[in-house]
PDB file of all heavy atoms in Angstrom:
ATOM      1  N   LYS A   1    -178.331  35.232 -28.007  1.00  0.00           N
ATOM      2  CA  LYS A   1    -178.973  33.983 -27.614  1.00  0.00           C
ATOM      3  C   LYS A   1    -178.078  33.279 -26.613  1.00  0.00           C
ATOM      4  O   LYS A   1    -176.970  32.876 -26.935  1.00  0.00           O
ATOM      5  CB  LYS A   1    -179.208  33.099 -28.843  1.00  0.00           C
ATOM      6  CG  LYS A   1    -180.310  32.087 -28.692  1.00  0.00           C
ATOM      7  CD  LYS A   1    -180.653  31.484 -30.048  1.00  0.00           C
ATOM      8  CE  LYS A   1    -181.893  30.628 -29.956  1.00  0.00           C
ATOM      9  NZ  LYS A   1    -182.276  30.055 -31.270  1.00  0.00           N
ATOM     10  N   THR A   2    -178.541  33.114 -25.393  1.00  0.00           N
ATOM     11  CA  THR A   2    -177.713  32.581 -24.308  1.00  0.00           C
ATOM     12  C   THR A   2    -177.720  31.056 -24.324  1.00  0.00           C
ATOM     13  O   THR A   2    -178.592  30.422 -24.925  1.00  0.00           O
ATOM     14  CB  THR A   2    -178.218  33.060 -22.943  1.00  0.00           C
ATOM     15  OG1 THR A   2    -179.490  32.442 -22.677  1.00  0.00           O
ATOM     16  CG2 THR A   2    -178.366  34.573 -22.924  1.00  0.00           C
ATOM     17  N   PHE A   3    -176.744  30.475 -23.594  1.00  0.00           N
ATOM     18  CA  PHE A   3    -176.707  29.012 -23.542  1.00  0.00           C
ATOM     19  C   PHE A   3    -177.942  28.454 -22.840  1.00  0.00           C
ATOM     20  O   PHE A   3    -178.378  27.341 -23.139  1.00  0.00           O
ATOM     21  CB  PHE A   3    -175.403  28.492 -22.922  1.00  0.00           C
ATOM     22  CG  PHE A   3    -175.136  28.834 -21.483  1.00  0.00           C
ATOM     23  CD1 PHE A   3    -175.784  28.176 -20.453  1.00  0.00           C
ATOM     24  CD2 PHE A   3    -174.188  29.807 -21.151  1.00  0.00           C
ATOM     25  CE1 PHE A   3    -175.510  28.469 -19.123  1.00  0.00           C
ATOM     26  CE2 PHE A   3    -173.909  30.111 -19.824  1.00  0.00           C
ATOM     27  CZ  PHE A   3    -174.578  29.442 -18.803  1.00  0.00           C
ATOM     28  N   SER A   4    -178.542  29.215 -21.936  1.00  0.00           N
ATOM     29  CA  SER A   4    -179.798  28.781 -21.310  1.00  0.00           C
ATOM     30  C   SER A   4    -180.911  28.661 -22.341  1.00  0.00           C
ATOM     31  O   SER A   4    -181.669  27.684 -22.354  1.00  0.00           O
ATOM     32  CB  SER A   4    -180.218  29.770 -20.221  1.00  0.00           C
ATOM     33  OG  SER A   4    -179.295  29.816 -19.167  1.00  0.00           O
ATOM     34  N   GLU A   5    -181.009  29.662 -23.210  1.00  0.00           N
ATOM     35  CA  GLU A   5    -182.056  29.660 -24.236  1.00  0.00           C
ATOM     36  C   GLU A   5    -181.843  28.532 -25.244  1.00  0.00           C
ATOM     37  O   GLU A   5    -182.795  27.836 -25.631  1.00  0.00           O
ATOM     38  CB  GLU A   5    -182.081  31.014 -24.947  1.00  0.00           C
ATOM     39  CG  GLU A   5    -183.227  31.165 -25.927  1.00  0.00           C
ATOM     40  CD  GLU A   5    -183.245  32.529 -26.600  1.00  0.00           C
ATOM     41  OE1 GLU A   5    -182.457  33.409 -26.192  1.00  0.00           O
ATOM     42  OE2 GLU A   5    -184.060  32.707 -27.522  1.00  0.00           O
ATOM     43  N   ILE A   6    -180.595  28.339 -25.665  1.00  0.00           N
ATOM     44  CA  ILE A   6    -180.289  27.263 -26.619  1.00  0.00           C
ATOM     45  C   ILE A   6    -180.567  25.907 -25.995  1.00  0.00           C
ATOM     46  O   ILE A   6    -181.149  25.014 -26.628  1.00  0.00           O
ATOM     47  CB  ILE A   6    -178.817  27.356 -27.076  1.00  0.00           C
ATOM     48  CG1 ILE A   6    -178.571  28.683 -27.797  1.00  0.00           C
ATOM     49  CG2 ILE A   6    -178.457  26.187 -27.990  1.00  0.00           C
ATOM     50  CD1 ILE A   6    -177.111  28.997 -28.038  1.00  0.00           C
ATOM     51  N   LEU A   7    -180.161  25.758 -24.730  1.00  0.00           N
ATOM     52  CA  LEU A   7    -180.395  24.499 -24.021  1.00  0.00           C
ATOM     53  C   LEU A   7    -181.890  24.248 -23.863  1.00  0.00           C
ATOM     54  O   LEU A   7    -182.355  23.106 -23.972  1.00  0.00           O
ATOM     55  CB  LEU A   7    -179.705  24.553 -22.658  1.00  0.00           C
ATOM     56  CG  LEU A   7    -179.459  23.227 -21.929  1.00  0.00           C
ATOM     57  CD1 LEU A   7    -178.571  22.310 -22.760  1.00  0.00           C
ATOM     58  CD2 LEU A   7    -178.830  23.480 -20.571  1.00  0.00           C
ATOM     59  N   ASN A   8    -182.653  25.297 -23.638  1.00  0.00           N
ATOM     60  CA  ASN A   8    -184.102  25.164 -23.496  1.00  0.00           C
ATOM     61  C   ASN A   8    -184.741  24.635 -24.780  1.00  0.00           C
ATOM     62  O   ASN A   8    -185.727  23.888 -24.744  1.00  0.00           O
ATOM     63  CB  ASN A   8    -184.713  26.505 -23.118  1.00  0.00           C
ATOM     64  CG  ASN A   8    -186.158  26.401 -22.705  1.00  0.00           C
ATOM     65  OD1 ASN A   8    -186.521  25.562 -21.880  1.00  0.00           O
ATOM     66  ND2 ASN A   8    -187.002  27.238 -23.290  1.00  0.00           N
ATOM     67  N   GLU A   9    -184.178  25.038 -25.918  1.00  0.00           N
ATOM     68  CA  GLU A   9    -184.688  24.558 -27.206  1.00  0.00           C
ATOM     69  C   GLU A   9    -184.326  23.093 -27.453  1.00  0.00           C
ATOM     70  O   GLU A   9    -185.067  22.371 -28.126  1.00  0.00           O
ATOM     71  CB  GLU A   9    -184.140  25.428 -28.342  1.00  0.00           C
ATOM     72  CG  GLU A   9    -184.653  26.862 -28.307  1.00  0.00           C
ATOM     73  CD  GLU A   9    -183.953  27.757 -29.309  1.00  0.00           C
ATOM     74  OE1 GLU A   9    -182.997  27.287 -29.963  1.00  0.00           O
ATOM     75  OE2 GLU A   9    -184.365  28.923 -29.453  1.00  0.00           O
ATOM     76  N   LYS A  10    -183.202  22.667 -26.887  1.00  0.00           N
ATOM     77  CA  LYS A  10    -182.745  21.302 -27.090  1.00  0.00           C
ATOM     78  C   LYS A  10    -183.456  20.302 -26.173  1.00  0.00           C
ATOM     79  O   LYS A  10    -183.640  19.143 -26.523  1.00  0.00           O
ATOM     80  CB  LYS A  10    -181.230  21.212 -26.847  1.00  0.00           C
ATOM     81  CG  LYS A  10    -180.367  21.831 -27.937  1.00  0.00           C
ATOM     82  CD  LYS A  10    -178.907  21.784 -27.534  1.00  0.00           C
ATOM     83  CE  LYS A  10    -178.000  22.127 -28.701  1.00  0.00           C
ATOM     84  NZ  LYS A  10    -177.959  21.067 -29.726  1.00  0.00           N
ATOM     85  N   ILE A  11    -183.804  20.773 -24.973  1.00  0.00           N
ATOM     86  CA  ILE A  11    -184.428  19.897 -23.980  1.00  0.00           C
ATOM     87  C   ILE A  11    -185.939  20.131 -23.990  1.00  0.00           C
ATOM     88  O   ILE A  11    -186.403  21.225 -23.687  1.00  0.00           O
ATOM     89  CB  ILE A  11    -183.868  20.167 -22.566  1.00  0.00           C
ATOM     90  CG1 ILE A  11    -182.363  19.915 -22.530  1.00  0.00           C
ATOM     91  CG2 ILE A  11    -184.566  19.291 -21.534  1.00  0.00           C
ATOM     92  CD1 ILE A  11    -181.710  20.290 -21.216  1.00  0.00           C
ATOM     93  N   THR A  12    -186.693  19.127 -24.337  1.00  0.00           N
ATOM     94  CA  THR A  12    -188.146  19.278 -24.400  1.00  0.00           C
ATOM     95  C   THR A  12    -188.835  18.843 -23.108  1.00  0.00           C
ATOM     96  O   THR A  12    -189.949  19.270 -22.819  1.00  0.00           O
ATOM     97  CB  THR A  12    -188.706  18.457 -25.569  1.00  0.00           C
ATOM     98  OG1 THR A  12    -188.324  17.082 -25.410  1.00  0.00           O
ATOM     99  CG2 THR A  12    -188.182  18.982 -26.899  1.00  0.00           C
ATOM    100  N   LYS A  13    -188.138  18.027 -22.324  1.00  0.00           N
ATOM    101  CA  LYS A  13    -188.754  17.475 -21.120  1.00  0.00           C
ATOM    102  C   LYS A  13    -188.838  18.493 -19.989  1.00  0.00           C
ATOM    103  O   LYS A  13    -189.747  18.459 -19.160  1.00  0.00           O
ATOM    104  CB  LYS A  13    -187.949  16.257 -20.661  1.00  0.00           C
ATOM    105  CG  LYS A  13    -188.581  15.462 -19.536  1.00  0.00           C
ATOM    106  CD  LYS A  13    -187.762  14.210 -19.241  1.00  0.00           C
ATOM    107  CE  LYS A  13    -188.378  13.395 -18.109  1.00  0.00           C
ATOM    108  NZ  LYS A  13    -187.574  12.179 -17.808  1.00  0.00           N
ATOM    109  N   TYR A  14    -187.869  19.399 -19.930  1.00  0.00           N
ATOM    110  CA  TYR A  14    -187.807  20.404 -18.871  1.00  0.00           C
ATOM    111  C   TYR A  14    -187.768  21.793 -19.485  1.00  0.00           C
ATOM    112  O   TYR A  14    -187.533  21.964 -20.684  1.00  0.00           O
ATOM    113  CB  TYR A  14    -186.557  20.207 -18.009  1.00  0.00           C
ATOM    114  CG  TYR A  14    -186.359  18.795 -17.517  1.00  0.00           C
ATOM    115  CD1 TYR A  14    -185.332  18.007 -18.025  1.00  0.00           C
ATOM    116  CD2 TYR A  14    -187.197  18.246 -16.557  1.00  0.00           C
ATOM    117  CE1 TYR A  14    -185.140  16.706 -17.592  1.00  0.00           C
ATOM    118  CE2 TYR A  14    -187.017  16.941 -16.115  1.00  0.00           C
ATOM    119  CZ  TYR A  14    -185.987  16.174 -16.643  1.00  0.00           C
ATOM    120  OH  TYR A  14    -185.811  14.889 -16.211  1.00  0.00           O
ATOM    121  N   GLU A  15    -187.981  22.794 -18.646  1.00  0.00           N
ATOM    122  CA  GLU A  15    -187.846  24.182 -19.073  1.00  0.00           C
ATOM    123  C   GLU A  15    -186.633  24.793 -18.382  1.00  0.00           C
ATOM    124  O   GLU A  15    -186.477  24.663 -17.165  1.00  0.00           O
ATOM    125  CB  GLU A  15    -189.100  24.972 -18.725  1.00  0.00           C
ATOM    126  CG  GLU A  15    -189.075  26.394 -19.271  1.00  0.00           C
ATOM    127  CD  GLU A  15    -190.397  27.113 -19.062  1.00  0.00           C
ATOM    128  OE1 GLU A  15    -191.132  26.758 -18.124  1.00  0.00           O
ATOM    129  OE2 GLU A  15    -190.688  28.041 -19.840  1.00  0.00           O
ATOM    130  N   VAL A  16    -185.767  25.430 -19.151  1.00  0.00           N
ATOM    131  CA  VAL A  16    -184.540  26.017 -18.624  1.00  0.00           C
ATOM    132  C   VAL A  16    -184.763  27.509 -18.378  1.00  0.00           C
ATOM    133  O   VAL A  16    -185.176  28.241 -19.283  1.00  0.00           O
ATOM    134  CB  VAL A  16    -183.355  25.813 -19.593  1.00  0.00           C
ATOM    135  CG1 VAL A  16    -182.074  26.407 -18.996  1.00  0.00           C
ATOM    136  CG2 VAL A  16    -183.160  24.328 -19.905  1.00  0.00           C
ATOM    137  N   LEU A  17    -184.500  27.945 -17.158  1.00  0.00           N
ATOM    138  CA  LEU A  17    -184.660  29.349 -16.780  1.00  0.00           C
ATOM    139  C   LEU A  17    -183.292  29.977 -16.537  1.00  0.00           C
ATOM    140  O   LEU A  17    -182.413  29.358 -15.947  1.00  0.00           O
ATOM    141  CB  LEU A  17    -185.510  29.467 -15.508  1.00  0.00           C
ATOM    142  CG  LEU A  17    -186.913  28.855 -15.548  1.00  0.00           C
ATOM    143  CD1 LEU A  17    -187.597  29.035 -14.193  1.00  0.00           C
ATOM    144  CD2 LEU A  17    -187.747  29.471 -16.654  1.00  0.00           C
ATOM    145  N   ASN A  18    -183.138  31.219 -16.958  1.00  0.00           N
ATOM    146  CA  ASN A  18    -181.868  31.933 -16.828  1.00  0.00           C
ATOM    147  C   ASN A  18    -181.952  32.952 -15.700  1.00  0.00           C
ATOM    148  O   ASN A  18    -182.494  34.040 -15.861  1.00  0.00           O
ATOM    149  CB  ASN A  18    -181.514  32.626 -18.146  1.00  0.00           C
ATOM    150  CG  ASN A  18    -180.159  33.322 -18.102  1.00  0.00           C
ATOM    151  OD1 ASN A  18    -179.515  33.411 -17.067  1.00  0.00           O
ATOM    152  ND2 ASN A  18    -179.724  33.820 -19.250  1.00  0.00           N
ATOM    153  N   GLY A  19    -181.410  32.576 -14.534  1.00  0.00           N
ATOM    154  CA  GLY A  19    -181.414  33.472 -13.380  1.00  0.00           C
ATOM    155  C   GLY A  19    -180.119  34.230 -13.189  1.00  0.00           C
ATOM    156  O   GLY A  19    -179.870  34.757 -12.085  1.00  0.00           O
ATOM    157  N   GLY A  20    -179.279  34.318 -14.221  1.00  0.00           N
ATOM    158  CA  GLY A  20    -178.000  35.020 -14.106  1.00  0.00           C
ATOM    159  C   GLY A  20    -178.171  36.518 -13.897  1.00  0.00           C
ATOM    160  O   GLY A  20    -179.030  37.145 -14.525  1.00  0.00           O
ATOM    161  N   ILE A  21    -177.347  37.084 -13.014  1.00  0.00           N
ATOM    162  CA  ILE A  21    -177.353  38.530 -12.755  1.00  0.00           C
ATOM    163  C   ILE A  21    -175.917  39.030 -12.763  1.00  0.00           C
ATOM    164  O   ILE A  21    -175.072  38.525 -12.017  1.00  0.00           O
ATOM    165  CB  ILE A  21    -178.008  38.875 -11.405  1.00  0.00           C
ATOM    166  CG1 ILE A  21    -179.451  38.369 -11.351  1.00  0.00           C
ATOM    167  CG2 ILE A  21    -177.968  40.383 -11.150  1.00  0.00           C
ATOM    168  CD1 ILE A  21    -180.141  38.629 -10.020  1.00  0.00           C
ATOM    169  N   GLY A  22    -175.639  40.011 -13.598  1.00  0.00           N
ATOM    170  CA  GLY A  22    -174.289  40.549 -13.708  1.00  0.00           C
ATOM    171  C   GLY A  22    -173.814  41.213 -12.435  1.00  0.00           C
ATOM    172  O   GLY A  22    -174.602  41.765 -11.664  1.00  0.00           O
ATOM    173  N   ASN A  23    -172.498  41.134 -12.188  1.00  0.00           N
ATOM    174  CA  ASN A  23    -171.835  41.771 -11.042  1.00  0.00           C
ATOM    175  C   ASN A  23    -172.257  41.190  -9.700  1.00  0.00           C
ATOM    176  O   ASN A  23    -172.226  41.872  -8.673  1.00  0.00           O
ATOM    177  CB  ASN A  23    -172.075  43.287 -11.037  1.00  0.00           C
ATOM    178  CG  ASN A  23    -171.632  43.956 -12.320  1.00  0.00           C
ATOM    179  OD1 ASN A  23    -172.466  44.409 -13.099  1.00  0.00           O
ATOM    180  ND2 ASN A  23    -170.336  43.981 -12.572  1.00  0.00           N
ATOM    181  N   THR A  24    -172.668  39.932  -9.698  1.00  0.00           N
ATOM    182  CA  THR A  24    -172.963  39.234  -8.448  1.00  0.00           C
ATOM    183  C   THR A  24    -171.952  38.115  -8.245  1.00  0.00           C
ATOM    184  O   THR A  24    -171.358  37.621  -9.199  1.00  0.00           O
ATOM    185  CB  THR A  24    -174.383  38.620  -8.457  1.00  0.00           C
ATOM    186  OG1 THR A  24    -174.497  37.685  -9.550  1.00  0.00           O
ATOM    187  CG2 THR A  24    -175.437  39.696  -8.605  1.00  0.00           C
ATOM    188  N   ASN A  25    -171.769  37.718  -6.983  1.00  0.00           N
ATOM    189  CA  ASN A  25    -170.916  36.560  -6.711  1.00  0.00           C
ATOM    190  C   ASN A  25    -171.795  35.370  -6.314  1.00  0.00           C
ATOM    191  O   ASN A  25    -173.023  35.478  -6.225  1.00  0.00           O
ATOM    192  CB  ASN A  25    -169.871  36.881  -5.633  1.00  0.00           C
ATOM    193  CG  ASN A  25    -170.486  37.256  -4.288  1.00  0.00           C
ATOM    194  OD1 ASN A  25    -171.627  36.893  -3.971  1.00  0.00           O
ATOM    195  ND2 ASN A  25    -169.749  37.996  -3.477  1.00  0.00           N
ATOM    196  N   THR A  26    -171.171  34.235  -6.066  1.00  0.00           N
ATOM    197  CA  THR A  26    -171.914  33.010  -5.777  1.00  0.00           C
ATOM    198  C   THR A  26    -172.769  33.146  -4.512  1.00  0.00           C
ATOM    199  O   THR A  26    -173.911  32.672  -4.467  1.00  0.00           O
ATOM    200  CB  THR A  26    -170.938  31.829  -5.640  1.00  0.00           C
ATOM    201  OG1 THR A  26    -170.295  31.616  -6.908  1.00  0.00           O
ATOM    202  CG2 THR A  26    -171.649  30.553  -5.236  1.00  0.00           C
ATOM    203  N   LYS A  27    -172.230  33.781  -3.489  1.00  0.00           N
ATOM    204  CA  LYS A  27    -172.994  33.980  -2.244  1.00  0.00           C
ATOM    205  C   LYS A  27    -174.291  34.738  -2.517  1.00  0.00           C
ATOM    206  O   LYS A  27    -175.356  34.369  -2.013  1.00  0.00           O
ATOM    207  CB  LYS A  27    -172.149  34.757  -1.231  1.00  0.00           C
ATOM    208  CG  LYS A  27    -170.994  34.011  -0.611  1.00  0.00           C
ATOM    209  CD  LYS A  27    -170.079  34.939   0.187  1.00  0.00           C
ATOM    210  CE  LYS A  27    -170.833  35.760   1.205  1.00  0.00           C
ATOM    211  NZ  LYS A  27    -169.969  36.716   1.915  1.00  0.00           N
TER     212      LYS A  27
END
């Protein structure tokens, strides 16, 4: 269970999406 998913359960006003991709950099 990721922090995005947990945060999504805590915040009812917005929906939290997890766009993380392994082995990528910020650029």
